[in-house]
PDB file of N, CA and C in Angstrom:
ATOM      1  N   MET A   1      35.637  29.312 -20.790  1.00  0.00           N
ATOM      2  CA  MET A   1      34.526  28.783 -20.892  1.00  0.00           C
ATOM      3  C   MET A   1      34.575  26.970 -21.896  1.00  0.00           C
ATOM      4  N   ALA A   2      34.195  26.664 -21.529  1.00  0.00           N
ATOM      5  CA  ALA A   2      35.023  25.188 -21.651  1.00  0.00           C
ATOM      6  C   ALA A   2      34.279  25.151 -22.987  1.00  0.00           C
ATOM      7  N   LYS A   3      34.727  24.163 -24.174  1.00  0.00           N
ATOM      8  CA  LYS A   3      34.466  24.042 -25.884  1.00  0.00           C
ATOM      9  C   LYS A   3      34.374  22.323 -25.822  1.00  0.00           C
ATOM     10  N   ARG A   4      34.654  21.772 -25.401  1.00  0.00           N
ATOM     11  CA  ARG A   4      34.158  20.188 -25.460  1.00  0.00           C
ATOM     12  C   ARG A   4      33.988  19.752 -24.280  1.00  0.00           C
ATOM     13  N   LEU A   5      33.892  18.918 -23.388  1.00  0.00           N
ATOM     14  CA  LEU A   5      33.327  18.238 -23.127  1.00  0.00           C
ATOM     15  C   LEU A   5      32.920  16.273 -23.791  1.00  0.00           C
ATOM     16  N   ILE A   6      34.545  15.815 -22.509  1.00  0.00           N
ATOM     17  CA  ILE A   6      34.913  13.737 -22.333  1.00  0.00           C
ATOM     18  C   ILE A   6      33.502  14.108 -21.325  1.00  0.00           C
ATOM     19  N   PRO A   7      32.678  12.412 -21.037  1.00  0.00           N
ATOM     20  CA  PRO A   7      32.293  12.053 -20.358  1.00  0.00           C
ATOM     21  C   PRO A   7      32.515  11.009 -19.509  1.00  0.00           C
ATOM     22  N   THR A   8      33.068  10.879 -18.280  1.00  0.00           N
ATOM     23  CA  THR A   8      33.608   9.910 -17.419  1.00  0.00           C
ATOM     24  C   THR A   8      33.026   8.914 -17.864  1.00  0.00           C
ATOM     25  N   LEU A   9      33.518   7.553 -17.013  1.00  0.00           N
ATOM     26  CA  LEU A   9      32.914   6.805 -16.426  1.00  0.00           C
ATOM     27  C   LEU A   9      31.782   5.787 -18.117  1.00  0.00           C
ATOM     28  N   ASN A  10      30.687   6.030 -16.831  1.00  0.00           N
ATOM     29  CA  ASN A  10      29.769   5.121 -18.236  1.00  0.00           C
ATOM     30  C   ASN A  10      28.593   6.002 -18.596  1.00  0.00           C
ATOM     31  N   ARG A  11      28.968   7.344 -18.418  1.00  0.00           N
ATOM     32  CA  ARG A  11      27.901   9.057 -19.487  1.00  0.00           C
ATOM     33  C   ARG A  11      27.930   9.089 -20.466  1.00  0.00           C
ATOM     34  N   VAL A  12      27.336   9.183 -20.733  1.00  0.00           N
ATOM     35  CA  VAL A  12      26.202   9.390 -22.884  1.00  0.00           C
ATOM     36  C   VAL A  12      26.186  10.776 -22.677  1.00  0.00           C
ATOM     37  N   LEU A  13      26.838  11.778 -23.574  1.00  0.00           N
ATOM     38  CA  LEU A  13      26.481  14.024 -23.795  1.00  0.00           C
ATOM     39  C   LEU A  13      25.595  12.854 -24.841  1.00  0.00           C
ATOM     40  N   ILE A  14      24.361  14.007 -24.937  1.00  0.00           N
ATOM     41  CA  ILE A  14      23.193  13.265 -25.429  1.00  0.00           C
ATOM     42  C   ILE A  14      23.047  15.163 -26.140  1.00  0.00           C
ATOM     43  N   GLU A  15      22.600  15.108 -27.080  1.00  0.00           N
ATOM     44  CA  GLU A  15      22.069  16.500 -28.144  1.00  0.00           C
ATOM     45  C   GLU A  15      20.628  15.826 -27.704  1.00  0.00           C
ATOM     46  N   LYS A  16      19.279  16.751 -27.512  1.00  0.00           N
ATOM     47  CA  LYS A  16      18.200  16.178 -28.017  1.00  0.00           C
ATOM     48  C   LYS A  16      17.800  17.309 -29.836  1.00  0.00           C
ATOM     49  N   ILE A  17      17.114  15.911 -29.985  1.00  0.00           N
ATOM     50  CA  ILE A  17      16.640  15.983 -31.483  1.00  0.00           C
ATOM     51  C   ILE A  17      14.772  16.290 -30.859  1.00  0.00           C
ATOM     52  N   ILE A  18      14.883  17.730 -31.886  1.00  0.00           N
ATOM     53  CA  ILE A  18      13.562  18.906 -31.137  1.00  0.00           C
ATOM     54  C   ILE A  18      12.329  18.548 -32.426  1.00  0.00           C
ATOM     55  N   PRO A  19      11.553  18.185 -32.483  1.00  0.00           N
ATOM     56  CA  PRO A  19      10.283  17.715 -33.744  1.00  0.00           C
ATOM     57  C   PRO A  19      10.023  19.153 -34.028  1.00  0.00           C
ATOM     58  N   PRO A  20      10.177  18.796 -35.048  1.00  0.00           N
ATOM     59  CA  PRO A  20       9.876  20.106 -36.154  1.00  0.00           C
ATOM     60  C   PRO A  20       8.460  21.086 -35.299  1.00  0.00           C
ATOM     61  N   SER A  21       7.494  22.053 -35.676  1.00  0.00           N
ATOM     62  CA  SER A  21       6.474  22.366 -34.584  1.00  0.00           C
ATOM     63  C   SER A  21       5.440  22.897 -35.615  1.00  0.00           C
ATOM     64  N   LYS A  22       6.138  22.930 -37.306  1.00  0.00           N
ATOM     65  CA  LYS A  22       4.865  22.362 -38.523  1.00  0.00           C
ATOM     66  C   LYS A  22       5.760  21.920 -39.562  1.00  0.00           C
ATOM     67  N   THR A  23       4.919  21.797 -40.261  1.00  0.00           N
ATOM     68  CA  THR A  23       5.175  21.363 -42.056  1.00  0.00           C
ATOM     69  C   THR A  23       5.612  22.133 -42.328  1.00  0.00           C
ATOM     70  N   THR A  24       6.822  21.378 -43.541  1.00  0.00           N
ATOM     71  CA  THR A  24       7.200  21.749 -44.403  1.00  0.00           C
ATOM     72  C   THR A  24       5.464  23.122 -45.142  1.00  0.00           C
ATOM     73  N   ALA A  25       4.444  22.661 -44.962  1.00  0.00           N
ATOM     74  CA  ALA A  25       3.584  23.327 -45.908  1.00  0.00           C
ATOM     75  C   ALA A  25       3.349  24.648 -44.902  1.00  0.00           C
ATOM     76  N   GLY A  26       3.679  24.680 -44.066  1.00  0.00           N
ATOM     77  CA  GLY A  26       2.979  25.576 -43.020  1.00  0.00           C
ATOM     78  C   GLY A  26       1.898  24.875 -42.266  1.00  0.00           C
ATOM     79  N   ILE A  27       1.239  23.869 -41.733  1.00  0.00           N
ATOM     80  CA  ILE A  27       0.434  23.496 -41.474  1.00  0.00           C
ATOM     81  C   ILE A  27       0.667  23.041 -39.324  1.00  0.00           C
ATOM     82  N   LEU A  28       0.725  23.956 -38.538  1.00  0.00           N
ATOM     83  CA  LEU A  28       1.079  24.181 -37.120  1.00  0.00           C
ATOM     84  C   LEU A  28       0.645  22.659 -36.254  1.00  0.00           C
ATOM     85  N   LEU A  29       1.658  21.422 -35.931  1.00  0.00           N
ATOM     86  CA  LEU A  29       1.601  20.756 -35.221  1.00  0.00           C
ATOM     87  C   LEU A  29       1.126  20.556 -33.625  1.00  0.00           C
ATOM     88  N   PRO A  30       0.081  19.675 -33.477  1.00  0.00           N
ATOM     89  CA  PRO A  30       0.326  19.746 -31.446  1.00  0.00           C
ATOM     90  C   PRO A  30       1.703  19.207 -31.231  1.00  0.00           C
ATOM     91  N   GLU A  31       1.486  19.666 -29.878  1.00  0.00           N
ATOM     92  CA  GLU A  31       2.848  18.500 -29.164  1.00  0.00           C
ATOM     93  C   GLU A  31       2.982  17.768 -29.248  1.00  0.00           C
ATOM     94  N   THR A  32       1.811  16.759 -28.486  1.00  0.00           N
ATOM     95  CA  THR A  32       1.765  15.734 -28.971  1.00  0.00           C
ATOM     96  C   THR A  32       2.025  14.992 -29.480  1.00  0.00           C
ATOM     97  N   SER A  33       1.898  15.128 -31.304  1.00  0.00           N
ATOM     98  CA  SER A  33       1.647  14.324 -31.915  1.00  0.00           C
ATOM     99  C   SER A  33       2.875  13.760 -32.911  1.00  0.00           C
ATOM    100  N   SER A  34       3.744  14.582 -32.358  1.00  0.00           N
ATOM    101  CA  SER A  34       6.000  13.022 -32.367  1.00  0.00           C
ATOM    102  C   SER A  34       6.022  13.517 -31.836  1.00  0.00           C
ATOM    103  N   LYS A  35       5.405  13.415 -30.375  1.00  0.00           N
ATOM    104  CA  LYS A  35       6.844  13.157 -29.329  1.00  0.00           C
ATOM    105  C   LYS A  35       7.398  12.143 -29.002  1.00  0.00           C
ATOM    106  N   LEU A  36       8.486  11.752 -29.342  1.00  0.00           N
ATOM    107  CA  LEU A  36       9.229  11.659 -29.263  1.00  0.00           C
ATOM    108  C   LEU A  36      10.529  11.478 -28.735  1.00  0.00           C
ATOM    109  N   ASN A  37      11.139  11.266 -27.138  1.00  0.00           N
ATOM    110  CA  ASN A  37      12.057  11.180 -26.498  1.00  0.00           C
ATOM    111  C   ASN A  37      13.348  11.454 -27.042  1.00  0.00           C
ATOM    112  N   SER A  38      13.802  11.936 -27.855  1.00  0.00           N
ATOM    113  CA  SER A  38      15.517  10.917 -28.471  1.00  0.00           C
ATOM    114  C   SER A  38      16.166  12.041 -28.654  1.00  0.00           C
ATOM    115  N   GLY A  39      18.188  11.078 -29.199  1.00  0.00           N
ATOM    116  CA  GLY A  39      18.125  12.596 -28.866  1.00  0.00           C
ATOM    117  C   GLY A  39      19.490  12.161 -30.087  1.00  0.00           C
ATOM    118  N   LYS A  40      20.505  12.290 -30.099  1.00  0.00           N
ATOM    119  CA  LYS A  40      21.692  11.918 -31.062  1.00  0.00           C
ATOM    120  C   LYS A  40      23.134  12.229 -30.355  1.00  0.00           C
ATOM    121  N   VAL A  41      24.155  10.924 -30.278  1.00  0.00           N
ATOM    122  CA  VAL A  41      25.278  10.526 -28.932  1.00  0.00           C
ATOM    123  C   VAL A  41      26.722  11.823 -29.502  1.00  0.00           C
ATOM    124  N   VAL A  42      26.646  12.566 -29.200  1.00  0.00           N
ATOM    125  CA  VAL A  42      27.863  14.024 -28.890  1.00  0.00           C
ATOM    126  C   VAL A  42      29.219  12.699 -28.607  1.00  0.00           C
ATOM    127  N   ALA A  43      28.997  12.350 -27.420  1.00  0.00           N
ATOM    128  CA  ALA A  43      30.654  11.383 -27.120  1.00  0.00           C
ATOM    129  C   ALA A  43      29.965  10.966 -25.955  1.00  0.00           C
ATOM    130  N   VAL A  44      30.443   9.943 -25.103  1.00  0.00           N
ATOM    131  CA  VAL A  44      30.523   9.175 -24.656  1.00  0.00           C
ATOM    132  C   VAL A  44      31.911   8.561 -23.205  1.00  0.00           C
ATOM    133  N   GLY A  45      32.093   8.275 -22.451  1.00  0.00           N
ATOM    134  CA  GLY A  45      32.770   8.054 -21.704  1.00  0.00           C
ATOM    135  C   GLY A  45      33.474   6.253 -22.224  1.00  0.00           C
ATOM    136  N   PRO A  46      34.898   5.777 -21.032  1.00  0.00           N
ATOM    137  CA  PRO A  46      35.202   5.375 -21.832  1.00  0.00           C
ATOM    138  C   PRO A  46      34.237   4.026 -20.671  1.00  0.00           C
ATOM    139  N   GLY A  47      33.299   3.919 -20.295  1.00  0.00           N
ATOM    140  CA  GLY A  47      33.376   2.180 -19.156  1.00  0.00           C
ATOM    141  C   GLY A  47      33.060   2.099 -17.751  1.00  0.00           C
ATOM    142  N   THR A  48      33.088   2.047 -17.367  1.00  0.00           N
ATOM    143  CA  THR A  48      32.876   0.994 -16.213  1.00  0.00           C
ATOM    144  C   THR A  48      33.926  -0.299 -15.113  1.00  0.00           C
ATOM    145  N   ARG A  49      34.541   0.506 -14.633  1.00  0.00           N
ATOM    146  CA  ARG A  49      35.835  -1.061 -14.693  1.00  0.00           C
ATOM    147  C   ARG A  49      34.120  -2.052 -13.431  1.00  0.00           C
ATOM    148  N   GLY A  50      34.462  -3.982 -13.562  1.00  0.00           N
ATOM    149  CA  GLY A  50      34.175  -5.234 -12.668  1.00  0.00           C
ATOM    150  C   GLY A  50      34.656  -5.017 -11.891  1.00  0.00           C
ATOM    151  N   LYS A  51      33.909  -6.107 -11.268  1.00  0.00           N
ATOM    152  CA  LYS A  51      34.799  -6.727  -9.587  1.00  0.00           C
ATOM    153  C   LYS A  51      36.333  -7.235 -10.306  1.00  0.00           C
ATOM    154  N   GLU A  52      36.641  -7.783 -11.963  1.00  0.00           N
ATOM    155  CA  GLU A  52      37.213  -8.723 -11.961  1.00  0.00           C
ATOM    156  C   GLU A  52      38.984  -7.308 -12.577  1.00  0.00           C
ATOM    157  N   GLY A  53      38.001  -6.078 -12.470  1.00  0.00           N
ATOM    158  CA  GLY A  53      39.090  -5.344 -13.111  1.00  0.00           C
ATOM    159  C   GLY A  53      38.514  -5.283 -14.916  1.00  0.00           C
ATOM    160  N   ASN A  54      37.580  -5.966 -14.811  1.00  0.00           N
ATOM    161  CA  ASN A  54      37.886  -5.860 -16.595  1.00  0.00           C
ATOM    162  C   ASN A  54      37.363  -4.254 -16.575  1.00  0.00           C
ATOM    163  N   LEU A  55      37.215  -3.880 -17.955  1.00  0.00           N
ATOM    164  CA  LEU A  55      36.249  -2.923 -18.508  1.00  0.00           C
ATOM    165  C   LEU A  55      35.147  -2.864 -19.380  1.00  0.00           C
ATOM    166  N   ASN A  56      34.315  -2.546 -18.925  1.00  0.00           N
ATOM    167  CA  ASN A  56      32.346  -2.723 -19.757  1.00  0.00           C
ATOM    168  C   ASN A  56      32.248  -1.737 -20.134  1.00  0.00           C
ATOM    169  N   PRO A  57      32.995  -1.501 -21.197  1.00  0.00           N
ATOM    170  CA  PRO A  57      32.619  -0.452 -22.039  1.00  0.00           C
ATOM    171  C   PRO A  57      30.739   0.211 -21.902  1.00  0.00           C
ATOM    172  N   VAL A  58      30.509   1.256 -23.217  1.00  0.00           N
ATOM    173  CA  VAL A  58      28.969   1.546 -22.877  1.00  0.00           C
ATOM    174  C   VAL A  58      28.792   1.227 -24.301  1.00  0.00           C
ATOM    175  N   ALA A  59      27.134   0.769 -24.481  1.00  0.00           N
ATOM    176  CA  ALA A  59      27.162   0.088 -24.804  1.00  0.00           C
ATOM    177  C   ALA A  59      26.055   0.956 -26.367  1.00  0.00           C
ATOM    178  N   VAL A  60      26.487   2.510 -26.650  1.00  0.00           N
ATOM    179  CA  VAL A  60      25.937   3.435 -27.737  1.00  0.00           C
ATOM    180  C   VAL A  60      27.145   3.715 -28.122  1.00  0.00           C
ATOM    181  N   LYS A  61      27.358   4.487 -29.042  1.00  0.00           N
ATOM    182  CA  LYS A  61      28.698   4.932 -29.784  1.00  0.00           C
ATOM    183  C   LYS A  61      28.232   6.416 -29.866  1.00  0.00           C
ATOM    184  N   GLU A  62      28.920   6.830 -30.477  1.00  0.00           N
ATOM    185  CA  GLU A  62      28.963   8.712 -30.883  1.00  0.00           C
ATOM    186  C   GLU A  62      27.958   8.587 -32.599  1.00  0.00           C
ATOM    187  N   GLY A  63      27.502   9.305 -32.367  1.00  0.00           N
ATOM    188  CA  GLY A  63      25.872   9.715 -33.595  1.00  0.00           C
ATOM    189  C   GLY A  63      25.193   8.422 -33.964  1.00  0.00           C
ATOM    190  N   ASP A  64      24.914   7.530 -33.248  1.00  0.00           N
ATOM    191  CA  ASP A  64      23.626   7.201 -32.717  1.00  0.00           C
ATOM    192  C   ASP A  64      22.903   7.592 -32.447  1.00  0.00           C
ATOM    193  N   THR A  65      21.612   7.405 -32.831  1.00  0.00           N
ATOM    194  CA  THR A  65      19.766   8.027 -32.210  1.00  0.00           C
ATOM    195  C   THR A  65      19.741   7.653 -31.046  1.00  0.00           C
ATOM    196  N   VAL A  66      19.323   7.799 -29.969  1.00  0.00           N
ATOM    197  CA  VAL A  66      19.062   7.249 -28.710  1.00  0.00           C
ATOM    198  C   VAL A  66      17.852   7.009 -28.682  1.00  0.00           C
ATOM    199  N   LEU A  67      17.132   6.224 -27.814  1.00  0.00           N
ATOM    200  CA  LEU A  67      15.579   6.319 -27.122  1.00  0.00           C
ATOM    201  C   LEU A  67      15.854   7.158 -25.284  1.00  0.00           C
ATOM    202  N   LEU A  68      15.467   8.159 -25.016  1.00  0.00           N
ATOM    203  CA  LEU A  68      15.667   8.530 -23.984  1.00  0.00           C
ATOM    204  C   LEU A  68      14.047   8.233 -23.314  1.00  0.00           C
ATOM    205  N   PRO A  69      14.545   8.467 -21.720  1.00  0.00           N
ATOM    206  CA  PRO A  69      13.238   8.074 -20.222  1.00  0.00           C
ATOM    207  C   PRO A  69      12.972  10.260 -20.740  1.00  0.00           C
ATOM    208  N   GLU A  70      11.678   9.756 -20.453  1.00  0.00           N
ATOM    209  CA  GLU A  70      10.305  11.162 -20.203  1.00  0.00           C
ATOM    210  C   GLU A  70      11.895  12.246 -19.118  1.00  0.00           C
ATOM    211  N   TYR A  71      11.785  11.815 -18.190  1.00  0.00           N
ATOM    212  CA  TYR A  71      12.371  12.777 -16.849  1.00  0.00           C
ATOM    213  C   TYR A  71      14.060  12.369 -16.937  1.00  0.00           C
ATOM    214  N   GLY A  72      15.087  12.736 -16.341  1.00  0.00           N
ATOM    215  CA  GLY A  72      16.246  12.445 -16.033  1.00  0.00           C
ATOM    216  C   GLY A  72      18.057  13.191 -17.098  1.00  0.00           C
ATOM    217  N   GLY A  73      18.788  12.158 -16.644  1.00  0.00           N
ATOM    218  CA  GLY A  73      19.870  13.629 -16.902  1.00  0.00           C
ATOM    219  C   GLY A  73      20.549  14.852 -16.474  1.00  0.00           C
ATOM    220  N   THR A  74      21.329  15.327 -16.271  1.00  0.00           N
ATOM    221  CA  THR A  74      21.296  16.281 -16.373  1.00  0.00           C
ATOM    222  C   THR A  74      21.959  17.024 -17.291  1.00  0.00           C
ATOM    223  N   GLU A  75      21.604  17.843 -17.142  1.00  0.00           N
ATOM    224  CA  GLU A  75      21.367  18.756 -18.521  1.00  0.00           C
ATOM    225  C   GLU A  75      22.840  20.513 -18.656  1.00  0.00           C
ATOM    226  N   VAL A  76      23.314  20.315 -19.425  1.00  0.00           N
ATOM    227  CA  VAL A  76      25.081  20.741 -19.676  1.00  0.00           C
ATOM    228  C   VAL A  76      24.680  21.718 -21.458  1.00  0.00           C
ATOM    229  N   LYS A  77      25.167  22.644 -20.406  1.00  0.00           N
ATOM    230  CA  LYS A  77      25.099  24.327 -21.720  1.00  0.00           C
ATOM    231  C   LYS A  77      26.807  23.981 -21.797  1.00  0.00           C
ATOM    232  N   ILE A  78      27.231  24.316 -23.082  1.00  0.00           N
ATOM    233  CA  ILE A  78      28.543  24.516 -23.799  1.00  0.00           C
ATOM    234  C   ILE A  78      28.231  26.021 -24.775  1.00  0.00           C
ATOM    235  N   GLY A  79      28.934  26.719 -24.423  1.00  0.00           N
ATOM    236  CA  GLY A  79      28.360  27.544 -25.547  1.00  0.00           C
ATOM    237  C   GLY A  79      27.318  28.079 -25.416  1.00  0.00           C
ATOM    238  N   GLU A  80      26.263  28.114 -26.968  1.00  0.00           N
ATOM    239  CA  GLU A  80      24.985  27.884 -27.013  1.00  0.00           C
ATOM    240  C   GLU A  80      24.186  27.463 -27.011  1.00  0.00           C
ATOM    241  N   LYS A  81      24.997  26.306 -27.068  1.00  0.00           N
ATOM    242  CA  LYS A  81      24.217  24.994 -27.476  1.00  0.00           C
ATOM    243  C   LYS A  81      23.343  23.718 -25.922  1.00  0.00           C
ATOM    244  N   GLU A  82      22.794  23.601 -25.938  1.00  0.00           N
ATOM    245  CA  GLU A  82      22.470  22.727 -24.540  1.00  0.00           C
ATOM    246  C   GLU A  82      22.872  21.372 -24.956  1.00  0.00           C
ATOM    247  N   TYR A  83      23.037  20.166 -24.275  1.00  0.00           N
ATOM    248  CA  TYR A  83      23.233  19.140 -24.162  1.00  0.00           C
ATOM    249  C   TYR A  83      22.898  18.536 -22.847  1.00  0.00           C
ATOM    250  N   HIS A  84      22.767  17.129 -22.893  1.00  0.00           N
ATOM    251  CA  HIS A  84      22.341  16.343 -21.603  1.00  0.00           C
ATOM    252  C   HIS A  84      22.860  15.305 -21.971  1.00  0.00           C
ATOM    253  N   LEU A  85      23.251  14.937 -20.396  1.00  0.00           N
ATOM    254  CA  LEU A  85      24.291  13.438 -19.488  1.00  0.00           C
ATOM    255  C   LEU A  85      23.371  12.771 -19.017  1.00  0.00           C
ATOM    256  N   TYR A  86      23.945  11.505 -19.562  1.00  0.00           N
ATOM    257  CA  TYR A  86      22.818  10.442 -18.992  1.00  0.00           C
ATOM    258  C   TYR A  86      23.631   9.136 -18.784  1.00  0.00           C
ATOM    259  N   ARG A  87      23.527   8.901 -17.854  1.00  0.00           N
ATOM    260  CA  ARG A  87      24.035   6.963 -17.517  1.00  0.00           C
ATOM    261  C   ARG A  87      24.193   6.227 -18.717  1.00  0.00           C
ATOM    262  N   ASP A  88      24.661   5.679 -19.278  1.00  0.00           N
ATOM    263  CA  ASP A  88      24.671   4.341 -20.091  1.00  0.00           C
ATOM    264  C   ASP A  88      23.326   3.144 -19.928  1.00  0.00           C
ATOM    265  N   GLU A  89      22.940   3.633 -18.614  1.00  0.00           N
ATOM    266  CA  GLU A  89      21.495   1.954 -18.475  1.00  0.00           C
ATOM    267  C   GLU A  89      20.302   2.693 -18.096  1.00  0.00           C
ATOM    268  N   ASP A  90      20.578   4.997 -18.332  1.00  0.00           N
ATOM    269  CA  ASP A  90      19.807   4.873 -18.300  1.00  0.00           C
ATOM    270  C   ASP A  90      18.611   5.251 -19.726  1.00  0.00           C
ATOM    271  N   ILE A  91      19.931   5.562 -20.770  1.00  0.00           N
ATOM    272  CA  ILE A  91      18.951   5.042 -22.388  1.00  0.00           C
ATOM    273  C   ILE A  91      17.982   3.350 -22.078  1.00  0.00           C
ATOM    274  N   LEU A  92      17.093   4.491 -23.544  1.00  0.00           N
ATOM    275  CA  LEU A  92      15.978   2.893 -23.391  1.00  0.00           C
ATOM    276  C   LEU A  92      16.582   2.231 -24.750  1.00  0.00           C
ATOM    277  N   GLY A  93      17.388   2.567 -25.861  1.00  0.00           N
ATOM    278  CA  GLY A  93      17.250   1.820 -26.848  1.00  0.00           C
ATOM    279  C   GLY A  93      17.589   2.789 -28.276  1.00  0.00           C
ATOM    280  N   THR A  94      18.715   2.399 -29.369  1.00  0.00           N
ATOM    281  CA  THR A  94      18.502   3.124 -29.982  1.00  0.00           C
ATOM    282  C   THR A  94      17.491   2.789 -31.297  1.00  0.00           C
ATOM    283  N   LEU A  95      17.720   4.261 -32.125  1.00  0.00           N
ATOM    284  CA  LEU A  95      17.133   4.051 -32.847  1.00  0.00           C
ATOM    285  C   LEU A  95      17.099   3.986 -34.737  1.00  0.00           C
ATOM    286  N   HIS A  96      16.814   3.120 -35.305  1.00  0.00           N
ATOM    287  CA  HIS A  96      17.053   2.995 -36.427  1.00  0.00           C
ATOM    288  C   HIS A  96      16.376   2.628 -37.811  1.00  0.00           C
ATOM    289  N   ASP A  97      16.616   2.854 -38.785  1.00  0.00           N
ATOM    290  CA  ASP A  97      15.798   3.430 -39.957  1.00  0.00           C
ATOM    291  C   ASP A  97      15.359   1.927 -40.409  1.00  0.00           C
TER     292      ASP A  97
END
């Protein structure tokens, strides 16, 4: 069983952020109240090569919090954790505080 996955080309390995289902006071939240499809970048590939042979790096880096499309990506299970692989161009943007 693999313990680590290093993406190839322009792929990004993401661990999705699951919003809490209830508040600290114990109030249950509806599913649609805080549905922001986001995740944390765990690993990135080196990028793709352009027509001239130069390297086009991936736009995000490890540790970034990113906004993801509602559908897409490839689900990958490593040990007990679930991750998703996305292409760099499928990521909608980065989230900042």
